[in-house]
Amino acid sequence: MPNTPKLPSAAARVADSHAAIWKAYSALGKACSDAGPLDPQTICIAKLALAIGPGLEGAVHSHARRGQTEGLPPEGLQQTALLAIPTLGLAQAVRALTWIEDVTGDRRR
């Protein structure tokens, strides 16, 4: 799997052990991203928000990394977590901020 070295270890193990499943999963993700007019940065923000909602730490880490790859600044990723406050509550937003900061290393806020 060519992208495996860039994956976190658990995902890399799945990709290596079950290449056909990983290929299908990756194709589904691409098809979903290509299904509408959203640009890559907006898609990253939406996916980060979708990971924050149910409190999926690994997914928040993953989408924060992808956001950085797409050129989103740490402040933009952090704002996504802050936007969760009115809907999900302060505790959920702070938890998401710490996960984003795990990736960005930016703990200014």
PDB file of N, CA and C in Angstrom:
ATOM      1  N   MET A   1       0.847  -1.169   0.000  1.00  0.00           N
ATOM      2  CA  MET A   1       0.000   0.000   0.000  1.00  0.00           C
ATOM      3  C   MET A   1       0.896   1.238   0.000  1.00  0.00           C
ATOM      4  N   PRO A   2       0.873   2.080  -1.028  1.00  0.00           N
ATOM      5  CA  PRO A   2       1.804   3.185  -1.135  1.00  0.00           C
ATOM      6  C   PRO A   2       1.650   4.244  -0.040  1.00  0.00           C
ATOM      7  N   ASN A   3       0.442   4.494   0.442  1.00  0.00           N
ATOM      8  CA  ASN A   3       0.231   5.533   1.447  1.00  0.00           C
ATOM      9  C   ASN A   3       0.404   5.024   2.874  1.00  0.00           C
ATOM     10  N   THR A   4       0.628   3.763   3.057  1.00  0.00           N
ATOM     11  CA  THR A   4       0.691   3.167   4.386  1.00  0.00           C
ATOM     12  C   THR A   4       1.700   3.839   5.312  1.00  0.00           C
ATOM     13  N   PRO A   5       2.920   4.204   4.874  1.00  0.00           N
ATOM     14  CA  PRO A   5       3.862   4.813   5.806  1.00  0.00           C
ATOM     15  C   PRO A   5       3.355   6.113   6.438  1.00  0.00           C
ATOM     16  N   LYS A   6       2.453   6.829   5.777  1.00  0.00           N
ATOM     17  CA  LYS A   6       1.931   8.077   6.308  1.00  0.00           C
ATOM     18  C   LYS A   6       0.784   7.853   7.290  1.00  0.00           C
ATOM     19  N   LEU A   7       0.267   6.653   7.346  1.00  0.00           N
ATOM     20  CA  LEU A   7      -0.867   6.353   8.216  1.00  0.00           C
ATOM     21  C   LEU A   7      -0.408   6.110   9.647  1.00  0.00           C
ATOM     22  N   PRO A   8      -1.275   6.448  10.618  1.00  0.00           N
ATOM     23  CA  PRO A   8      -0.978   6.036  11.996  1.00  0.00           C
ATOM     24  C   PRO A   8      -0.864   4.514  12.046  1.00  0.00           C
ATOM     25  N   SER A   9      -0.173   4.004  13.023  1.00  0.00           N
ATOM     26  CA  SER A   9       0.159   2.576  13.045  1.00  0.00           C
ATOM     27  C   SER A   9      -1.057   1.660  12.978  1.00  0.00           C
ATOM     28  N   ALA A  10      -2.130   1.973  13.691  1.00  0.00           N
ATOM     29  CA  ALA A  10      -3.307   1.093  13.668  1.00  0.00           C
ATOM     30  C   ALA A  10      -3.935   1.064  12.277  1.00  0.00           C
ATOM     31  N   ALA A  11      -4.078   2.222  11.657  1.00  0.00           N
ATOM     32  CA  ALA A  11      -4.648   2.271  10.309  1.00  0.00           C
ATOM     33  C   ALA A  11      -3.715   1.593   9.310  1.00  0.00           C
ATOM     34  N   ALA A  12      -2.424   1.772   9.486  1.00  0.00           N
ATOM     35  CA  ALA A  12      -1.460   1.136   8.588  1.00  0.00           C
ATOM     36  C   ALA A  12      -1.551  -0.382   8.667  1.00  0.00           C
ATOM     37  N   ARG A  13      -1.769  -0.901   9.872  1.00  0.00           N
ATOM     38  CA  ARG A  13      -1.910  -2.361  10.019  1.00  0.00           C
ATOM     39  C   ARG A  13      -3.145  -2.858   9.266  1.00  0.00           C
ATOM     40  N   VAL A  14      -4.241  -2.117   9.357  1.00  0.00           N
ATOM     41  CA  VAL A  14      -5.451  -2.510   8.626  1.00  0.00           C
ATOM     42  C   VAL A  14      -5.181  -2.446   7.127  1.00  0.00           C
ATOM     43  N   ALA A  15      -4.563  -1.360   6.671  1.00  0.00           N
ATOM     44  CA  ALA A  15      -4.275  -1.212   5.246  1.00  0.00           C
ATOM     45  C   ALA A  15      -3.368  -2.327   4.739  1.00  0.00           C
ATOM     46  N   ASP A  16      -2.381  -2.692   5.536  1.00  0.00           N
ATOM     47  CA  ASP A  16      -1.457  -3.757   5.131  1.00  0.00           C
ATOM     48  C   ASP A  16      -2.102  -5.140   5.183  1.00  0.00           C
ATOM     49  N   SER A  17      -2.895  -5.377   6.201  1.00  0.00           N
ATOM     50  CA  SER A  17      -3.496  -6.704   6.389  1.00  0.00           C
ATOM     51  C   SER A  17      -4.718  -6.948   5.513  1.00  0.00           C
ATOM     52  N   HIS A  18      -5.407  -5.885   5.169  1.00  0.00           N
ATOM     53  CA  HIS A  18      -6.669  -6.001   4.427  1.00  0.00           C
ATOM     54  C   HIS A  18      -6.683  -4.975   3.301  1.00  0.00           C
ATOM     55  N   ALA A  19      -5.784  -5.145   2.364  1.00  0.00           N
ATOM     56  CA  ALA A  19      -5.586  -4.170   1.292  1.00  0.00           C
ATOM     57  C   ALA A  19      -6.854  -3.914   0.480  1.00  0.00           C
ATOM     58  N   ALA A  20      -7.621  -4.947   0.190  1.00  0.00           N
ATOM     59  CA  ALA A  20      -8.835  -4.771  -0.616  1.00  0.00           C
ATOM     60  C   ALA A  20      -9.868  -3.922   0.128  1.00  0.00           C
ATOM     61  N   ILE A  21     -10.005  -4.167   1.430  1.00  0.00           N
ATOM     62  CA  ILE A  21     -10.946  -3.374   2.230  1.00  0.00           C
ATOM     63  C   ILE A  21     -10.469  -1.929   2.290  1.00  0.00           C
ATOM     64  N   TRP A  22      -9.172  -1.721   2.515  1.00  0.00           N
ATOM     65  CA  TRP A  22      -8.632  -0.365   2.600  1.00  0.00           C
ATOM     66  C   TRP A  22      -8.817   0.371   1.277  1.00  0.00           C
ATOM     67  N   LYS A  23      -8.605  -0.328   0.167  1.00  0.00           N
ATOM     68  CA  LYS A  23      -8.770   0.283  -1.153  1.00  0.00           C
ATOM     69  C   LYS A  23     -10.220   0.705  -1.365  1.00  0.00           C
ATOM     70  N   ALA A  24     -11.166  -0.149  -0.998  1.00  0.00           N
ATOM     71  CA  ALA A  24     -12.589   0.179  -1.141  1.00  0.00           C
ATOM     72  C   ALA A  24     -12.975   1.337  -0.224  1.00  0.00           C
ATOM     73  N   TYR A  25     -12.476   1.324   0.996  1.00  0.00           N
ATOM     74  CA  TYR A  25     -12.749   2.393   1.959  1.00  0.00           C
ATOM     75  C   TYR A  25     -12.214   3.728   1.434  1.00  0.00           C
ATOM     76  N   SER A  26     -11.005   3.719   0.896  1.00  0.00           N
ATOM     77  CA  SER A  26     -10.404   4.931   0.340  1.00  0.00           C
ATOM     78  C   SER A  26     -11.194   5.437  -0.860  1.00  0.00           C
ATOM     79  N   ALA A  27     -11.649   4.521  -1.706  1.00  0.00           N
ATOM     80  CA  ALA A  27     -12.448   4.904  -2.871  1.00  0.00           C
ATOM     81  C   ALA A  27     -13.780   5.517  -2.440  1.00  0.00           C
ATOM     82  N   LEU A  28     -14.397   4.967  -1.396  1.00  0.00           N
ATOM     83  CA  LEU A  28     -15.641   5.534  -0.880  1.00  0.00           C
ATOM     84  C   LEU A  28     -15.410   6.958  -0.378  1.00  0.00           C
ATOM     85  N   GLY A  29     -14.338   7.169   0.375  1.00  0.00           N
ATOM     86  CA  GLY A  29     -14.019   8.509   0.866  1.00  0.00           C
ATOM     87  C   GLY A  29     -13.827   9.497  -0.266  1.00  0.00           C
ATOM     88  N   LYS A  30     -13.120   9.087  -1.324  1.00  0.00           N
ATOM     89  CA  LYS A  30     -12.906   9.965  -2.476  1.00  0.00           C
ATOM     90  C   LYS A  30     -14.216  10.258  -3.180  1.00  0.00           C
ATOM     91  N   ALA A  31     -15.060   9.248  -3.351  1.00  0.00           N
ATOM     92  CA  ALA A  31     -16.351   9.453  -4.011  1.00  0.00           C
ATOM     93  C   ALA A  31     -17.216  10.436  -3.225  1.00  0.00           C
ATOM     94  N   CYS A  32     -17.205  10.327  -1.911  1.00  0.00           N
ATOM     95  CA  CYS A  32     -17.979  11.256  -1.078  1.00  0.00           C
ATOM     96  C   CYS A  32     -17.438  12.675  -1.212  1.00  0.00           C
ATOM     97  N   SER A  33     -16.128  12.823  -1.217  1.00  0.00           N
ATOM     98  CA  SER A  33     -15.522  14.149  -1.362  1.00  0.00           C
ATOM     99  C   SER A  33     -15.805  14.754  -2.730  1.00  0.00           C
ATOM    100  N   ASP A  34     -15.862  13.912  -3.747  1.00  0.00           N
ATOM    101  CA  ASP A  34     -16.094  14.383  -5.114  1.00  0.00           C
ATOM    102  C   ASP A  34     -17.570  14.575  -5.449  1.00  0.00           C
ATOM    103  N   ALA A  35     -18.463  14.260  -4.516  1.00  0.00           N
ATOM    104  CA  ALA A  35     -19.900  14.261  -4.799  1.00  0.00           C
ATOM    105  C   ALA A  35     -20.532  15.647  -4.835  1.00  0.00           C
ATOM    106  N   GLY A  36     -19.800  16.674  -4.492  1.00  0.00           N
ATOM    107  CA  GLY A  36     -20.390  18.008  -4.453  1.00  0.00           C
ATOM    108  C   GLY A  36     -19.357  19.088  -4.676  1.00  0.00           C
ATOM    109  N   PRO A  37     -19.772  20.338  -4.471  1.00  0.00           N
ATOM    110  CA  PRO A  37     -18.921  21.473  -4.812  1.00  0.00           C
ATOM    111  C   PRO A  37     -17.941  21.920  -3.726  1.00  0.00           C
ATOM    112  N   LEU A  38     -17.907  21.260  -2.577  1.00  0.00           N
ATOM    113  CA  LEU A  38     -17.045  21.732  -1.493  1.00  0.00           C
ATOM    114  C   LEU A  38     -15.568  21.598  -1.853  1.00  0.00           C
ATOM    115  N   ASP A  39     -14.800  22.627  -1.497  1.00  0.00           N
ATOM    116  CA  ASP A  39     -13.359  22.589  -1.739  1.00  0.00           C
ATOM    117  C   ASP A  39     -12.683  21.748  -0.647  1.00  0.00           C
ATOM    118  N   PRO A  40     -11.437  21.325  -0.879  1.00  0.00           N
ATOM    119  CA  PRO A  40     -10.766  20.439   0.083  1.00  0.00           C
ATOM    120  C   PRO A  40     -10.676  20.991   1.510  1.00  0.00           C
ATOM    121  N   GLN A  41     -10.436  22.289   1.674  1.00  0.00           N
ATOM    122  CA  GLN A  41     -10.364  22.842   3.028  1.00  0.00           C
ATOM    123  C   GLN A  41     -11.715  22.765   3.733  1.00  0.00           C
ATOM    124  N   THR A  42     -12.779  23.077   3.020  1.00  0.00           N
ATOM    125  CA  THR A  42     -14.117  23.007   3.613  1.00  0.00           C
ATOM    126  C   THR A  42     -14.462  21.570   3.976  1.00  0.00           C
ATOM    127  N   ILE A  43     -14.093  20.633   3.132  1.00  0.00           N
ATOM    128  CA  ILE A  43     -14.323  19.216   3.429  1.00  0.00           C
ATOM    129  C   ILE A  43     -13.584  18.827   4.707  1.00  0.00           C
ATOM    130  N   CYS A  44     -12.344  19.280   4.856  1.00  0.00           N
ATOM    131  CA  CYS A  44     -11.580  18.970   6.077  1.00  0.00           C
ATOM    132  C   CYS A  44     -12.259  19.531   7.315  1.00  0.00           C
ATOM    133  N   ILE A  45     -12.749  20.761   7.233  1.00  0.00           N
ATOM    134  CA  ILE A  45     -13.428  21.376   8.379  1.00  0.00           C
ATOM    135  C   ILE A  45     -14.699  20.605   8.711  1.00  0.00           C
ATOM    136  N   ALA A  46     -15.468  20.249   7.681  1.00  0.00           N
ATOM    137  CA  ALA A  46     -16.710  19.498   7.918  1.00  0.00           C
ATOM    138  C   ALA A  46     -16.414  18.148   8.563  1.00  0.00           C
ATOM    139  N   LYS A  47     -15.406  17.450   8.058  1.00  0.00           N
ATOM    140  CA  LYS A  47     -15.078  16.138   8.619  1.00  0.00           C
ATOM    141  C   LYS A  47     -14.529  16.255  10.038  1.00  0.00           C
ATOM    142  N   LEU A  48     -13.779  17.317  10.308  1.00  0.00           N
ATOM    143  CA  LEU A  48     -13.297  17.557  11.668  1.00  0.00           C
ATOM    144  C   LEU A  48     -14.483  17.781  12.599  1.00  0.00           C
ATOM    145  N   ALA A  49     -15.433  18.593  12.169  1.00  0.00           N
ATOM    146  CA  ALA A  49     -16.622  18.847  12.990  1.00  0.00           C
ATOM    147  C   ALA A  49     -17.418  17.563  13.219  1.00  0.00           C
ATOM    148  N   LEU A  50     -17.531  16.736  12.186  1.00  0.00           N
ATOM    149  CA  LEU A  50     -18.246  15.466  12.336  1.00  0.00           C
ATOM    150  C   LEU A  50     -17.538  14.533  13.316  1.00  0.00           C
ATOM    151  N   ALA A  51     -16.235  14.629  13.417  1.00  0.00           N
ATOM    152  CA  ALA A  51     -15.485  13.815  14.381  1.00  0.00           C
ATOM    153  C   ALA A  51     -15.596  14.381  15.795  1.00  0.00           C
ATOM    154  N   ILE A  52     -15.669  15.702  15.905  1.00  0.00           N
ATOM    155  CA  ILE A  52     -15.789  16.343  17.218  1.00  0.00           C
ATOM    156  C   ILE A  52     -17.121  15.983  17.866  1.00  0.00           C
ATOM    157  N   GLY A  53     -18.197  16.003  17.087  1.00  0.00           N
ATOM    158  CA  GLY A  53     -19.536  15.760  17.631  1.00  0.00           C
ATOM    159  C   GLY A  53     -19.639  14.510  18.485  1.00  0.00           C
ATOM    160  N   PRO A  54     -19.314  13.354  17.960  1.00  0.00           N
ATOM    161  CA  PRO A  54     -19.421  12.134  18.771  1.00  0.00           C
ATOM    162  C   PRO A  54     -18.201  11.873  19.659  1.00  0.00           C
ATOM    163  N   GLY A  55     -17.220  12.778  19.633  1.00  0.00           N
ATOM    164  CA  GLY A  55     -16.060  12.615  20.506  1.00  0.00           C
ATOM    165  C   GLY A  55     -15.095  11.538  20.058  1.00  0.00           C
ATOM    166  N   LEU A  56     -14.799  11.494  18.777  1.00  0.00           N
ATOM    167  CA  LEU A  56     -13.914  10.467  18.221  1.00  0.00           C
ATOM    168  C   LEU A  56     -12.477  10.986  18.161  1.00  0.00           C
ATOM    169  N   GLU A  57     -11.715  10.702  19.200  1.00  0.00           N
ATOM    170  CA  GLU A  57     -10.361  11.258  19.329  1.00  0.00           C
ATOM    171  C   GLU A  57      -9.474  10.938  18.130  1.00  0.00           C
ATOM    172  N   GLY A  58      -9.431   9.690  17.722  1.00  0.00           N
ATOM    173  CA  GLY A  58      -8.587   9.314  16.588  1.00  0.00           C
ATOM    174  C   GLY A  58      -8.986  10.029  15.313  1.00  0.00           C
ATOM    175  N   ALA A  59     -10.280  10.168  15.088  1.00  0.00           N
ATOM    176  CA  ALA A  59     -10.757  10.863  13.893  1.00  0.00           C
ATOM    177  C   ALA A  59     -10.452  12.356  13.968  1.00  0.00           C
ATOM    178  N   VAL A  60     -10.559  12.955  15.154  1.00  0.00           N
ATOM    179  CA  VAL A  60     -10.195  14.369  15.307  1.00  0.00           C
ATOM    180  C   VAL A  60      -8.713  14.545  14.986  1.00  0.00           C
ATOM    181  N   HIS A  61      -7.867  13.671  15.508  1.00  0.00           N
ATOM    182  CA  HIS A  61      -6.437  13.732  15.181  1.00  0.00           C
ATOM    183  C   HIS A  61      -6.239  13.625  13.666  1.00  0.00           C
ATOM    184  N   SER A  62      -6.888  12.651  13.049  1.00  0.00           N
ATOM    185  CA  SER A  62      -6.735  12.413  11.619  1.00  0.00           C
ATOM    186  C   SER A  62      -7.166  13.623  10.797  1.00  0.00           C
ATOM    187  N   HIS A  63      -8.326  14.171  11.114  1.00  0.00           N
ATOM    188  CA  HIS A  63      -8.831  15.291  10.319  1.00  0.00           C
ATOM    189  C   HIS A  63      -8.078  16.585  10.613  1.00  0.00           C
ATOM    190  N   ALA A  64      -7.528  16.728  11.801  1.00  0.00           N
ATOM    191  CA  ALA A  64      -6.657  17.878  12.077  1.00  0.00           C
ATOM    192  C   ALA A  64      -5.381  17.774  11.232  1.00  0.00           C
ATOM    193  N   ARG A  65      -4.818  16.568  11.139  1.00  0.00           N
ATOM    194  CA  ARG A  65      -3.631  16.373  10.291  1.00  0.00           C
ATOM    195  C   ARG A  65      -3.964  16.671   8.835  1.00  0.00           C
ATOM    196  N   ARG A  66      -5.101  16.185   8.380  1.00  0.00           N
ATOM    197  CA  ARG A  66      -5.498  16.437   6.988  1.00  0.00           C
ATOM    198  C   ARG A  66      -5.724  17.923   6.754  1.00  0.00           C
ATOM    199  N   GLY A  67      -6.309  18.583   7.739  1.00  0.00           N
ATOM    200  CA  GLY A  67      -6.512  20.029   7.621  1.00  0.00           C
ATOM    201  C   GLY A  67      -5.191  20.763   7.459  1.00  0.00           C
ATOM    202  N   GLN A  68      -4.200  20.367   8.238  1.00  0.00           N
ATOM    203  CA  GLN A  68      -2.876  20.971   8.098  1.00  0.00           C
ATOM    204  C   GLN A  68      -2.315  20.717   6.701  1.00  0.00           C
ATOM    205  N   THR A  69      -2.489  19.502   6.200  1.00  0.00           N
ATOM    206  CA  THR A  69      -2.016  19.158   4.860  1.00  0.00           C
ATOM    207  C   THR A  69      -2.681  20.033   3.802  1.00  0.00           C
ATOM    208  N   GLU A  70      -3.948  20.380   4.029  1.00  0.00           N
ATOM    209  CA  GLU A  70      -4.683  21.224   3.082  1.00  0.00           C
ATOM    210  C   GLU A  70      -4.417  22.715   3.302  1.00  0.00           C
ATOM    211  N   GLY A  71      -3.539  23.040   4.254  1.00  0.00           N
ATOM    212  CA  GLY A  71      -3.158  24.430   4.452  1.00  0.00           C
ATOM    213  C   GLY A  71      -3.979  25.202   5.473  1.00  0.00           C
ATOM    214  N   LEU A  72      -4.814  24.506   6.237  1.00  0.00           N
ATOM    215  CA  LEU A  72      -5.581  25.197   7.274  1.00  0.00           C
ATOM    216  C   LEU A  72      -4.656  25.560   8.431  1.00  0.00           C
ATOM    217  N   PRO A  73      -4.735  26.794   8.923  1.00  0.00           N
ATOM    218  CA  PRO A  73      -3.898  27.173  10.056  1.00  0.00           C
ATOM    219  C   PRO A  73      -4.433  26.571  11.352  1.00  0.00           C
ATOM    220  N   PRO A  74      -3.588  26.435  12.362  1.00  0.00           N
ATOM    221  CA  PRO A  74      -4.061  25.904  13.648  1.00  0.00           C
ATOM    222  C   PRO A  74      -5.279  26.658  14.182  1.00  0.00           C
ATOM    223  N   GLU A  75      -5.304  27.967  13.975  1.00  0.00           N
ATOM    224  CA  GLU A  75      -6.432  28.766  14.465  1.00  0.00           C
ATOM    225  C   GLU A  75      -7.750  28.363  13.803  1.00  0.00           C
ATOM    226  N   GLY A  76      -7.700  27.970  12.540  1.00  0.00           N
ATOM    227  CA  GLY A  76      -8.907  27.523  11.850  1.00  0.00           C
ATOM    228  C   GLY A  76      -9.406  26.194  12.385  1.00  0.00           C
ATOM    229  N   LEU A  77      -8.474  25.311  12.678  1.00  0.00           N
ATOM    230  CA  LEU A  77      -8.840  24.024  13.267  1.00  0.00           C
ATOM    231  C   LEU A  77      -9.407  24.235  14.667  1.00  0.00           C
ATOM    232  N   GLN A  78      -8.773  25.123  15.436  1.00  0.00           N
ATOM    233  CA  GLN A  78      -9.249  25.417  16.787  1.00  0.00           C
ATOM    234  C   GLN A  78     -10.629  26.061  16.753  1.00  0.00           C
ATOM    235  N   GLN A  79     -10.855  26.949  15.774  1.00  0.00           N
ATOM    236  CA  GLN A  79     -12.168  27.587  15.673  1.00  0.00           C
ATOM    237  C   GLN A  79     -13.262  26.552  15.442  1.00  0.00           C
ATOM    238  N   THR A  80     -12.952  25.520  14.694  1.00  0.00           N
ATOM    239  CA  THR A  80     -13.928  24.452  14.470  1.00  0.00           C
ATOM    240  C   THR A  80     -14.357  23.839  15.799  1.00  0.00           C
ATOM    241  N   ALA A  81     -13.402  23.630  16.696  1.00  0.00           N
ATOM    242  CA  ALA A  81     -13.738  23.102  18.028  1.00  0.00           C
ATOM    243  C   ALA A  81     -14.540  24.122  18.829  1.00  0.00           C
ATOM    244  N   LEU A  82     -14.163  25.390  18.741  1.00  0.00           N
ATOM    245  CA  LEU A  82     -14.881  26.428  19.486  1.00  0.00           C
ATOM    246  C   LEU A  82     -16.332  26.555  19.026  1.00  0.00           C
ATOM    247  N   LEU A  83     -16.570  26.310  17.749  1.00  0.00           N
ATOM    248  CA  LEU A  83     -17.939  26.366  17.224  1.00  0.00           C
ATOM    249  C   LEU A  83     -18.831  25.290  17.832  1.00  0.00           C
ATOM    250  N   ALA A  84     -18.233  24.297  18.452  1.00  0.00           N
ATOM    251  CA  ALA A  84     -19.006  23.235  19.101  1.00  0.00           C
ATOM    252  C   ALA A  84     -19.615  23.685  20.423  1.00  0.00           C
ATOM    253  N   ILE A  85     -19.122  24.772  21.007  1.00  0.00           N
ATOM    254  CA  ILE A  85     -19.572  25.179  22.343  1.00  0.00           C
ATOM    255  C   ILE A  85     -21.087  25.339  22.436  1.00  0.00           C
ATOM    256  N   PRO A  86     -21.741  26.132  21.559  1.00  0.00           N
ATOM    257  CA  PRO A  86     -23.191  26.314  21.738  1.00  0.00           C
ATOM    258  C   PRO A  86     -24.009  25.037  21.525  1.00  0.00           C
ATOM    259  N   THR A  87     -23.523  24.149  20.682  1.00  0.00           N
ATOM    260  CA  THR A  87     -24.280  22.945  20.345  1.00  0.00           C
ATOM    261  C   THR A  87     -23.947  21.759  21.243  1.00  0.00           C
ATOM    262  N   LEU A  88     -22.661  21.542  21.486  1.00  0.00           N
ATOM    263  CA  LEU A  88     -22.217  20.350  22.215  1.00  0.00           C
ATOM    264  C   LEU A  88     -21.809  20.626  23.656  1.00  0.00           C
ATOM    265  N   GLY A  89     -21.531  21.871  23.962  1.00  0.00           N
ATOM    266  CA  GLY A  89     -21.119  22.237  25.313  1.00  0.00           C
ATOM    267  C   GLY A  89     -19.634  22.521  25.412  1.00  0.00           C
ATOM    268  N   LEU A  90     -19.284  23.250  26.461  1.00  0.00           N
ATOM    269  CA  LEU A  90     -17.897  23.662  26.665  1.00  0.00           C
ATOM    270  C   LEU A  90     -16.967  22.467  26.855  1.00  0.00           C
ATOM    271  N   ALA A  91     -17.383  21.491  27.620  1.00  0.00           N
ATOM    272  CA  ALA A  91     -16.502  20.346  27.896  1.00  0.00           C
ATOM    273  C   ALA A  91     -16.125  19.608  26.613  1.00  0.00           C
ATOM    274  N   GLN A  92     -17.090  19.379  25.741  1.00  0.00           N
ATOM    275  CA  GLN A  92     -16.811  18.684  24.472  1.00  0.00           C
ATOM    276  C   GLN A  92     -15.880  19.518  23.595  1.00  0.00           C
ATOM    277  N   ALA A  93     -16.096  20.829  23.572  1.00  0.00           N
ATOM    278  CA  ALA A  93     -15.246  21.702  22.762  1.00  0.00           C
ATOM    279  C   ALA A  93     -13.819  21.727  23.297  1.00  0.00           C
ATOM    280  N   VAL A  94     -13.666  21.814  24.612  1.00  0.00           N
ATOM    281  CA  VAL A  94     -12.327  21.826  25.208  1.00  0.00           C
ATOM    282  C   VAL A  94     -11.623  20.497  24.947  1.00  0.00           C
ATOM    283  N   ARG A  95     -12.356  19.416  25.062  1.00  0.00           N
ATOM    284  CA  ARG A  95     -11.773  18.101  24.765  1.00  0.00           C
ATOM    285  C   ARG A  95     -11.270  18.068  23.322  1.00  0.00           C
ATOM    286  N   ALA A  96     -12.078  18.560  22.392  1.00  0.00           N
ATOM    287  CA  ALA A  96     -11.673  18.593  20.986  1.00  0.00           C
ATOM    288  C   ALA A  96     -10.465  19.504  20.782  1.00  0.00           C
ATOM    289  N   LEU A  97     -10.440  20.635  21.468  1.00  0.00           N
ATOM    290  CA  LEU A  97      -9.280  21.532  21.364  1.00  0.00           C
ATOM    291  C   LEU A  97      -7.996  20.819  21.769  1.00  0.00           C
ATOM    292  N   THR A  98      -8.055  20.060  22.845  1.00  0.00           N
ATOM    293  CA  THR A  98      -6.839  19.364  23.284  1.00  0.00           C
ATOM    294  C   THR A  98      -6.398  18.331  22.251  1.00  0.00           C
ATOM    295  N   TRP A  99      -7.350  17.674  21.611  1.00  0.00           N
ATOM    296  CA  TRP A  99      -6.997  16.695  20.576  1.00  0.00           C
ATOM    297  C   TRP A  99      -6.383  17.386  19.363  1.00  0.00           C
ATOM    298  N   ILE A 100      -6.945  18.528  18.980  1.00  0.00           N
ATOM    299  CA  ILE A 100      -6.392  19.289  17.855  1.00  0.00           C
ATOM    300  C   ILE A 100      -4.987  19.767  18.206  1.00  0.00           C
ATOM    301  N   GLU A 101      -4.816  20.239  19.433  1.00  0.00           N
ATOM    302  CA  GLU A 101      -3.504  20.713  19.871  1.00  0.00           C
ATOM    303  C   GLU A 101      -2.483  19.577  19.954  1.00  0.00           C
ATOM    304  N   ASP A 102      -2.937  18.348  20.161  1.00  0.00           N
ATOM    305  CA  ASP A 102      -2.028  17.198  20.089  1.00  0.00           C
ATOM    306  C   ASP A 102      -1.333  17.163  18.732  1.00  0.00           C
ATOM    307  N   VAL A 103      -2.070  17.539  17.697  1.00  0.00           N
ATOM    308  CA  VAL A 103      -1.566  17.494  16.328  1.00  0.00           C
ATOM    309  C   VAL A 103      -0.790  18.760  15.979  1.00  0.00           C
ATOM    310  N   THR A 104      -1.348  19.919  16.327  1.00  0.00           N
ATOM    311  CA  THR A 104      -0.738  21.188  15.915  1.00  0.00           C
ATOM    312  C   THR A 104       0.389  21.632  16.834  1.00  0.00           C
ATOM    313  N   GLY A 105       0.358  21.166  18.084  1.00  0.00           N
ATOM    314  CA  GLY A 105       1.336  21.620  19.060  1.00  0.00           C
ATOM    315  C   GLY A 105       1.090  23.043  19.517  1.00  0.00           C
ATOM    316  N   ASP A 106       0.004  23.646  19.055  1.00  0.00           N
ATOM    317  CA  ASP A 106      -0.324  25.043  19.359  1.00  0.00           C
ATOM    318  C   ASP A 106      -1.253  25.089  20.566  1.00  0.00           C
ATOM    319  N   ARG A 107      -0.733  25.503  21.700  1.00  0.00           N
ATOM    320  CA  ARG A 107      -1.529  25.556  22.937  1.00  0.00           C
ATOM    321  C   ARG A 107      -1.677  26.991  23.431  1.00  0.00           C
ATOM    322  N   ARG A 108      -1.792  27.945  22.508  1.00  0.00           N
ATOM    323  CA  ARG A 108      -1.909  29.355  22.881  1.00  0.00           C
ATOM    324  C   ARG A 108      -3.254  29.701  23.469  1.00  0.00           C
ATOM    325  N   ARG A 109      -4.299  28.976  23.106  1.00  0.00           N
ATOM    326  CA  ARG A 109      -5.649  29.336  23.554  1.00  0.00           C
ATOM    327  C   ARG A 109      -5.970  28.678  24.854  1.00  0.00           C
TER     328      ARG A 109
END
